[in-house]
Amino acid sequence: MEDIATQIRAAREESRPGILTVERKDTADVIGYCGLIPHGNGSPDEPELAYELLRAAHGCGYATEAGQAVVAWASEVGYRRLWAGVWNWNVASRRVLEKLGFRETGRVEPVSVHGHSLLTVRQF
């Protein structure tokens, strides 16, 4: 988590949140990404948490660990609210967001053949 927080701080010094690679500590293999992106509402003060891992890395707690580091950093630097979208069928990702303190807003956006995207929010 400290490694991710250090990378995020460096990005913040450049005045922008961003996406970071998620690597396994023991092998340094890149297994996905996690970070903050601009949210569709247009407010730079309320970014969106985005993450995705390789299928081989699912179920190991990496998304939760990376998400915790990003959420902790966002709180430290003063963000008041974060958003996250999640596919309605992605139960595992919905659980990750719940562990990170996000709650579903009830807003559902139909999106092509992939299903529906649920909007979640986390307040600090």
N, C-alpha and C. Protein backbone atom coordinates (compact mmCIF):
# COMPACT_ATOMS: atom_id res chain seq x y z
N MET A 1 0.83 -1.19 0.00
CA MET A 1 0.00 0.00 0.00
C MET A 1 0.87 1.25 0.00
N GLU A 2 1.98 1.22 0.72
CA GLU A 2 2.85 2.40 0.78
C GLU A 2 3.45 2.72 -0.59
N ASP A 3 3.78 1.68 -1.36
CA ASP A 3 4.32 1.90 -2.70
C ASP A 3 3.30 2.62 -3.58
N ILE A 4 2.06 2.19 -3.51
CA ILE A 4 1.00 2.83 -4.30
C ILE A 4 0.79 4.26 -3.83
N ALA A 5 0.77 4.47 -2.51
CA ALA A 5 0.59 5.81 -1.97
C ALA A 5 1.71 6.74 -2.44
N THR A 6 2.95 6.24 -2.50
CA THR A 6 4.08 7.05 -2.96
C THR A 6 3.89 7.44 -4.41
N GLN A 7 3.46 6.50 -5.25
CA GLN A 7 3.22 6.80 -6.66
C GLN A 7 2.09 7.83 -6.81
N ILE A 8 1.06 7.69 -6.00
CA ILE A 8 -0.06 8.63 -6.07
C ILE A 8 0.39 10.02 -5.66
N ARG A 9 1.18 10.10 -4.59
CA ARG A 9 1.67 11.41 -4.14
C ARG A 9 2.47 12.09 -5.25
N ALA A 10 3.30 11.32 -5.94
CA ALA A 10 4.10 11.87 -7.04
C ALA A 10 3.18 12.40 -8.14
N ALA A 11 2.12 11.66 -8.46
CA ALA A 11 1.17 12.12 -9.47
C ALA A 11 0.46 13.38 -9.00
N ARG A 12 0.12 13.44 -7.71
CA ARG A 12 -0.58 14.61 -7.16
C ARG A 12 0.30 15.85 -7.26
N GLU A 13 1.62 15.68 -7.05
CA GLU A 13 2.52 16.82 -7.16
C GLU A 13 2.50 17.38 -8.58
N GLU A 14 2.14 16.55 -9.54
CA GLU A 14 1.99 17.01 -10.91
C GLU A 14 0.58 17.55 -11.14
N SER A 15 -0.20 17.70 -10.08
CA SER A 15 -1.55 18.26 -10.10
C SER A 15 -2.55 17.40 -10.88
N ARG A 16 -2.39 16.09 -10.80
CA ARG A 16 -3.36 15.24 -11.47
C ARG A 16 -3.41 13.87 -10.80
N PRO A 17 -4.62 13.40 -10.53
CA PRO A 17 -4.73 12.00 -10.12
C PRO A 17 -4.54 11.15 -11.37
N GLY A 18 -4.27 9.91 -11.19
CA GLY A 18 -4.06 9.08 -12.36
C GLY A 18 -4.18 7.61 -12.06
N ILE A 19 -3.91 6.82 -13.06
CA ILE A 19 -3.96 5.37 -12.98
C ILE A 19 -2.55 4.86 -12.73
N LEU A 20 -2.43 3.91 -11.84
CA LEU A 20 -1.14 3.30 -11.52
C LEU A 20 -1.19 1.81 -11.80
N THR A 21 -0.05 1.23 -12.10
CA THR A 21 -0.01 -0.21 -12.27
C THR A 21 -0.06 -0.88 -10.89
N VAL A 22 -0.67 -2.03 -10.86
CA VAL A 22 -0.68 -2.86 -9.65
C VAL A 22 0.27 -4.01 -9.94
N GLU A 23 1.28 -4.15 -9.08
CA GLU A 23 2.29 -5.18 -9.27
C GLU A 23 2.34 -6.10 -8.07
N ARG A 24 2.66 -7.35 -8.32
CA ARG A 24 2.91 -8.28 -7.22
C ARG A 24 4.25 -7.92 -6.61
N LYS A 25 4.32 -7.81 -5.29
CA LYS A 25 5.57 -7.43 -4.62
C LYS A 25 6.68 -8.46 -4.81
N ASP A 26 6.33 -9.74 -4.80
CA ASP A 26 7.36 -10.77 -4.86
C ASP A 26 7.98 -10.93 -6.25
N THR A 27 7.23 -10.62 -7.31
CA THR A 27 7.73 -10.84 -8.67
C THR A 27 7.80 -9.57 -9.50
N ALA A 28 7.16 -8.50 -9.05
CA ALA A 28 7.05 -7.23 -9.78
C ALA A 28 6.26 -7.39 -11.08
N ASP A 29 5.53 -8.51 -11.23
CA ASP A 29 4.68 -8.70 -12.40
C ASP A 29 3.51 -7.72 -12.32
N VAL A 30 3.22 -7.06 -13.43
CA VAL A 30 2.06 -6.17 -13.49
C VAL A 30 0.82 -7.05 -13.61
N ILE A 31 -0.13 -6.83 -12.68
CA ILE A 31 -1.35 -7.65 -12.67
C ILE A 31 -2.61 -6.83 -12.89
N GLY A 32 -2.44 -5.52 -13.10
CA GLY A 32 -3.61 -4.68 -13.34
C GLY A 32 -3.30 -3.22 -13.12
N TYR A 33 -4.37 -2.45 -12.90
CA TYR A 33 -4.23 -1.02 -12.63
C TYR A 33 -5.25 -0.59 -11.58
N CYS A 34 -4.97 0.54 -10.96
CA CYS A 34 -5.88 1.14 -9.98
C CYS A 34 -5.52 2.60 -9.86
N GLY A 35 -6.53 3.44 -9.70
CA GLY A 35 -6.26 4.85 -9.53
C GLY A 35 -7.50 5.68 -9.66
N LEU A 36 -7.30 6.97 -9.86
CA LEU A 36 -8.40 7.92 -9.97
C LEU A 36 -8.42 8.52 -11.36
N ILE A 37 -9.62 8.61 -11.92
CA ILE A 37 -9.82 9.22 -13.23
C ILE A 37 -10.91 10.29 -13.08
N PRO A 38 -11.01 11.19 -14.04
CA PRO A 38 -12.10 12.18 -13.96
C PRO A 38 -13.45 11.47 -14.00
N HIS A 39 -14.37 11.92 -13.18
CA HIS A 39 -15.71 11.35 -13.14
C HIS A 39 -16.58 12.06 -14.17
N GLY A 40 -17.57 11.37 -14.67
CA GLY A 40 -18.46 11.88 -15.70
C GLY A 40 -19.21 13.14 -15.31
N ASN A 41 -19.28 13.46 -13.99
CA ASN A 41 -20.00 14.67 -13.59
C ASN A 41 -19.20 15.94 -13.88
N GLY A 42 -17.94 15.77 -14.32
CA GLY A 42 -17.13 16.91 -14.71
C GLY A 42 -16.41 17.60 -13.58
N SER A 43 -16.65 17.23 -12.34
CA SER A 43 -16.00 17.90 -11.22
C SER A 43 -14.64 17.27 -10.93
N PRO A 44 -13.55 18.04 -11.04
CA PRO A 44 -12.23 17.48 -10.72
C PRO A 44 -12.08 17.17 -9.23
N ASP A 45 -12.98 17.70 -8.41
CA ASP A 45 -12.91 17.46 -6.97
C ASP A 45 -13.59 16.17 -6.56
N GLU A 46 -14.21 15.47 -7.51
CA GLU A 46 -14.90 14.22 -7.22
C GLU A 46 -14.54 13.17 -8.27
N PRO A 47 -13.30 12.66 -8.22
CA PRO A 47 -12.88 11.70 -9.24
C PRO A 47 -13.52 10.32 -9.05
N GLU A 48 -13.26 9.48 -10.02
CA GLU A 48 -13.79 8.12 -10.00
C GLU A 48 -12.65 7.13 -9.74
N LEU A 49 -12.91 6.19 -8.85
CA LEU A 49 -11.97 5.10 -8.61
C LEU A 49 -12.12 4.10 -9.74
N ALA A 50 -11.01 3.73 -10.35
CA ALA A 50 -11.04 2.76 -11.45
C ALA A 50 -9.98 1.70 -11.16
N TYR A 51 -10.34 0.44 -11.37
CA TYR A 51 -9.38 -0.64 -11.21
C TYR A 51 -9.79 -1.82 -12.06
N GLU A 52 -8.80 -2.59 -12.45
CA GLU A 52 -9.04 -3.81 -13.20
C GLU A 52 -7.80 -4.68 -13.05
N LEU A 53 -8.03 -5.96 -12.81
CA LEU A 53 -6.94 -6.91 -12.64
C LEU A 53 -7.05 -8.02 -13.66
N LEU A 54 -5.91 -8.61 -13.97
CA LEU A 54 -5.91 -9.80 -14.81
C LEU A 54 -6.72 -10.89 -14.12
N ARG A 55 -7.40 -11.70 -14.88
CA ARG A 55 -8.23 -12.76 -14.31
C ARG A 55 -7.44 -13.66 -13.36
N ALA A 56 -6.18 -13.92 -13.68
CA ALA A 56 -5.35 -14.78 -12.82
C ALA A 56 -5.12 -14.18 -11.44
N ALA A 57 -5.34 -12.88 -11.29
CA ALA A 57 -5.12 -12.21 -10.00
C ALA A 57 -6.41 -12.02 -9.22
N HIS A 58 -7.53 -12.46 -9.77
CA HIS A 58 -8.81 -12.31 -9.08
C HIS A 58 -8.86 -13.19 -7.83
N GLY A 59 -9.55 -12.71 -6.80
CA GLY A 59 -9.79 -13.50 -5.60
C GLY A 59 -8.63 -13.55 -4.63
N CYS A 60 -7.61 -12.73 -4.84
CA CYS A 60 -6.43 -12.74 -3.96
C CYS A 60 -6.35 -11.51 -3.05
N GLY A 61 -7.31 -10.60 -3.16
CA GLY A 61 -7.31 -9.41 -2.33
C GLY A 61 -6.53 -8.23 -2.89
N TYR A 62 -5.98 -8.38 -4.09
CA TYR A 62 -5.18 -7.29 -4.66
C TYR A 62 -6.01 -6.04 -4.96
N ALA A 63 -7.21 -6.21 -5.48
CA ALA A 63 -8.06 -5.05 -5.79
C ALA A 63 -8.41 -4.29 -4.52
N THR A 64 -8.73 -5.03 -3.47
CA THR A 64 -9.05 -4.39 -2.19
C THR A 64 -7.84 -3.65 -1.65
N GLU A 65 -6.67 -4.28 -1.68
CA GLU A 65 -5.45 -3.65 -1.15
C GLU A 65 -5.09 -2.39 -1.94
N ALA A 66 -5.13 -2.49 -3.26
CA ALA A 66 -4.81 -1.31 -4.07
C ALA A 66 -5.85 -0.22 -3.87
N GLY A 67 -7.13 -0.61 -3.84
CA GLY A 67 -8.21 0.36 -3.62
C GLY A 67 -8.09 1.05 -2.27
N GLN A 68 -7.71 0.30 -1.24
CA GLN A 68 -7.53 0.90 0.09
C GLN A 68 -6.46 1.97 0.06
N ALA A 69 -5.37 1.70 -0.64
CA ALA A 69 -4.28 2.70 -0.72
C ALA A 69 -4.75 3.95 -1.44
N VAL A 70 -5.48 3.80 -2.53
CA VAL A 70 -5.96 4.95 -3.29
C VAL A 70 -6.98 5.74 -2.48
N VAL A 71 -7.91 5.04 -1.83
CA VAL A 71 -8.94 5.72 -1.03
C VAL A 71 -8.31 6.44 0.16
N ALA A 72 -7.34 5.81 0.82
CA ALA A 72 -6.66 6.46 1.95
C ALA A 72 -5.94 7.72 1.50
N TRP A 73 -5.25 7.63 0.37
CA TRP A 73 -4.57 8.80 -0.15
C TRP A 73 -5.56 9.91 -0.50
N ALA A 74 -6.66 9.54 -1.15
CA ALA A 74 -7.67 10.54 -1.53
C ALA A 74 -8.20 11.27 -0.30
N SER A 75 -8.40 10.54 0.77
CA SER A 75 -8.86 11.15 2.01
C SER A 75 -7.80 12.09 2.58
N GLU A 76 -6.55 11.64 2.57
CA GLU A 76 -5.43 12.45 3.10
C GLU A 76 -5.29 13.79 2.40
N VAL A 77 -5.47 13.79 1.09
CA VAL A 77 -5.26 15.03 0.33
C VAL A 77 -6.50 15.90 0.25
N GLY A 78 -7.61 15.43 0.83
CA GLY A 78 -8.76 16.30 0.97
C GLY A 78 -9.94 16.08 0.04
N TYR A 79 -9.94 15.01 -0.74
CA TYR A 79 -11.14 14.73 -1.52
C TYR A 79 -12.29 14.46 -0.56
N ARG A 80 -13.46 14.95 -0.88
CA ARG A 80 -14.64 14.77 -0.02
C ARG A 80 -15.53 13.62 -0.49
N ARG A 81 -15.40 13.28 -1.79
CA ARG A 81 -16.25 12.23 -2.34
C ARG A 81 -15.56 11.58 -3.53
N LEU A 82 -15.72 10.26 -3.63
CA LEU A 82 -15.24 9.50 -4.78
C LEU A 82 -16.41 8.73 -5.37
N TRP A 83 -16.34 8.48 -6.66
CA TRP A 83 -17.35 7.71 -7.37
C TRP A 83 -16.72 6.44 -7.91
N ALA A 84 -17.53 5.47 -8.24
CA ALA A 84 -17.05 4.27 -8.94
C ALA A 84 -18.23 3.63 -9.66
N GLY A 85 -18.00 3.25 -10.89
CA GLY A 85 -19.00 2.51 -11.65
C GLY A 85 -18.65 1.03 -11.61
N VAL A 86 -19.66 0.19 -11.67
CA VAL A 86 -19.42 -1.26 -11.63
C VAL A 86 -20.53 -1.96 -12.40
N TRP A 87 -20.17 -3.00 -13.15
CA TRP A 87 -21.18 -3.77 -13.87
C TRP A 87 -22.10 -4.46 -12.87
N ASN A 88 -23.38 -4.48 -13.16
CA ASN A 88 -24.35 -5.06 -12.23
C ASN A 88 -24.07 -6.54 -11.95
N TRP A 89 -23.52 -7.27 -12.89
CA TRP A 89 -23.26 -8.70 -12.73
C TRP A 89 -21.94 -8.99 -12.03
N ASN A 90 -21.10 -7.97 -11.80
CA ASN A 90 -19.77 -8.18 -11.23
C ASN A 90 -19.83 -8.17 -9.70
N VAL A 91 -20.29 -9.27 -9.15
CA VAL A 91 -20.50 -9.39 -7.70
C VAL A 91 -19.20 -9.19 -6.94
N ALA A 92 -18.10 -9.74 -7.43
CA ALA A 92 -16.82 -9.62 -6.73
C ALA A 92 -16.38 -8.16 -6.65
N SER A 93 -16.50 -7.42 -7.74
CA SER A 93 -16.11 -6.01 -7.73
C SER A 93 -17.05 -5.19 -6.85
N ARG A 94 -18.33 -5.54 -6.84
CA ARG A 94 -19.27 -4.86 -5.96
C ARG A 94 -18.87 -5.08 -4.50
N ARG A 95 -18.38 -6.28 -4.17
CA ARG A 95 -17.92 -6.55 -2.80
C ARG A 95 -16.68 -5.73 -2.47
N VAL A 96 -15.76 -5.62 -3.43
CA VAL A 96 -14.56 -4.80 -3.21
C VAL A 96 -14.97 -3.37 -2.87
N LEU A 97 -15.86 -2.80 -3.68
CA LEU A 97 -16.30 -1.43 -3.44
C LEU A 97 -16.98 -1.29 -2.08
N GLU A 98 -17.76 -2.28 -1.70
CA GLU A 98 -18.40 -2.25 -0.38
C GLU A 98 -17.35 -2.24 0.73
N LYS A 99 -16.32 -3.08 0.60
CA LYS A 99 -15.23 -3.11 1.60
C LYS A 99 -14.52 -1.76 1.68
N LEU A 100 -14.47 -1.05 0.55
CA LEU A 100 -13.80 0.24 0.50
C LEU A 100 -14.68 1.39 0.98
N GLY A 101 -15.92 1.07 1.38
CA GLY A 101 -16.80 2.09 1.91
C GLY A 101 -17.71 2.75 0.90
N PHE A 102 -17.77 2.22 -0.33
CA PHE A 102 -18.67 2.76 -1.34
C PHE A 102 -20.07 2.19 -1.11
N ARG A 103 -21.07 2.96 -1.47
CA ARG A 103 -22.45 2.48 -1.40
C ARG A 103 -23.10 2.73 -2.74
N GLU A 104 -23.99 1.82 -3.11
CA GLU A 104 -24.69 1.97 -4.37
C GLU A 104 -25.70 3.10 -4.27
N THR A 105 -25.76 3.94 -5.30
CA THR A 105 -26.62 5.12 -5.29
C THR A 105 -28.03 4.82 -5.78
N GLY A 106 -28.22 3.68 -6.41
CA GLY A 106 -29.51 3.36 -7.02
C GLY A 106 -29.58 3.80 -8.47
N ARG A 107 -28.57 4.51 -8.93
CA ARG A 107 -28.53 4.95 -10.33
C ARG A 107 -27.97 3.82 -11.19
N VAL A 108 -28.69 3.47 -12.23
CA VAL A 108 -28.30 2.39 -13.14
C VAL A 108 -28.27 2.96 -14.55
N GLU A 109 -27.17 2.68 -15.24
CA GLU A 109 -27.03 3.14 -16.61
C GLU A 109 -26.94 1.95 -17.54
N PRO A 110 -27.91 1.77 -18.45
CA PRO A 110 -27.81 0.66 -19.40
C PRO A 110 -26.63 0.89 -20.34
N VAL A 111 -25.83 -0.14 -20.52
CA VAL A 111 -24.65 -0.03 -21.37
C VAL A 111 -24.56 -1.27 -22.26
N SER A 112 -24.72 -1.13 -23.52
CA SER A 112 -24.58 -2.15 -24.56
C SER A 112 -24.74 -3.59 -24.08
N VAL A 113 -23.96 -4.47 -24.67
CA VAL A 113 -24.09 -5.91 -24.41
C VAL A 113 -23.48 -6.35 -23.09
N HIS A 114 -22.73 -5.48 -22.44
CA HIS A 114 -22.05 -5.86 -21.20
C HIS A 114 -22.97 -5.86 -19.99
N GLY A 115 -24.12 -5.27 -20.07
CA GLY A 115 -25.03 -5.21 -18.94
C GLY A 115 -25.30 -3.78 -18.53
N HIS A 116 -25.57 -3.60 -17.27
CA HIS A 116 -25.88 -2.28 -16.72
C HIS A 116 -24.76 -1.86 -15.78
N SER A 117 -24.45 -0.58 -15.78
CA SER A 117 -23.45 -0.03 -14.89
C SER A 117 -24.13 0.62 -13.69
N LEU A 118 -23.73 0.20 -12.51
CA LEU A 118 -24.26 0.77 -11.27
C LEU A 118 -23.31 1.85 -10.78
N LEU A 119 -23.85 2.95 -10.32
CA LEU A 119 -23.02 4.05 -9.80
C LEU A 119 -22.92 3.91 -8.29
N THR A 120 -21.70 3.98 -7.77
CA THR A 120 -21.48 3.93 -6.33
C THR A 120 -20.75 5.19 -5.90
N VAL A 121 -20.83 5.51 -4.60
CA VAL A 121 -20.21 6.71 -4.08
C VAL A 121 -19.62 6.43 -2.71
N ARG A 122 -18.53 7.14 -2.39
CA ARG A 122 -17.93 7.07 -1.07
C ARG A 122 -17.68 8.48 -0.59
N GLN A 123 -18.21 8.79 0.57
CA GLN A 123 -18.04 10.12 1.18
C GLN A 123 -16.99 10.01 2.30
N PHE A 124 -16.26 11.09 2.50
CA PHE A 124 -15.27 11.13 3.60
C PHE A 124 -15.79 12.01 4.70
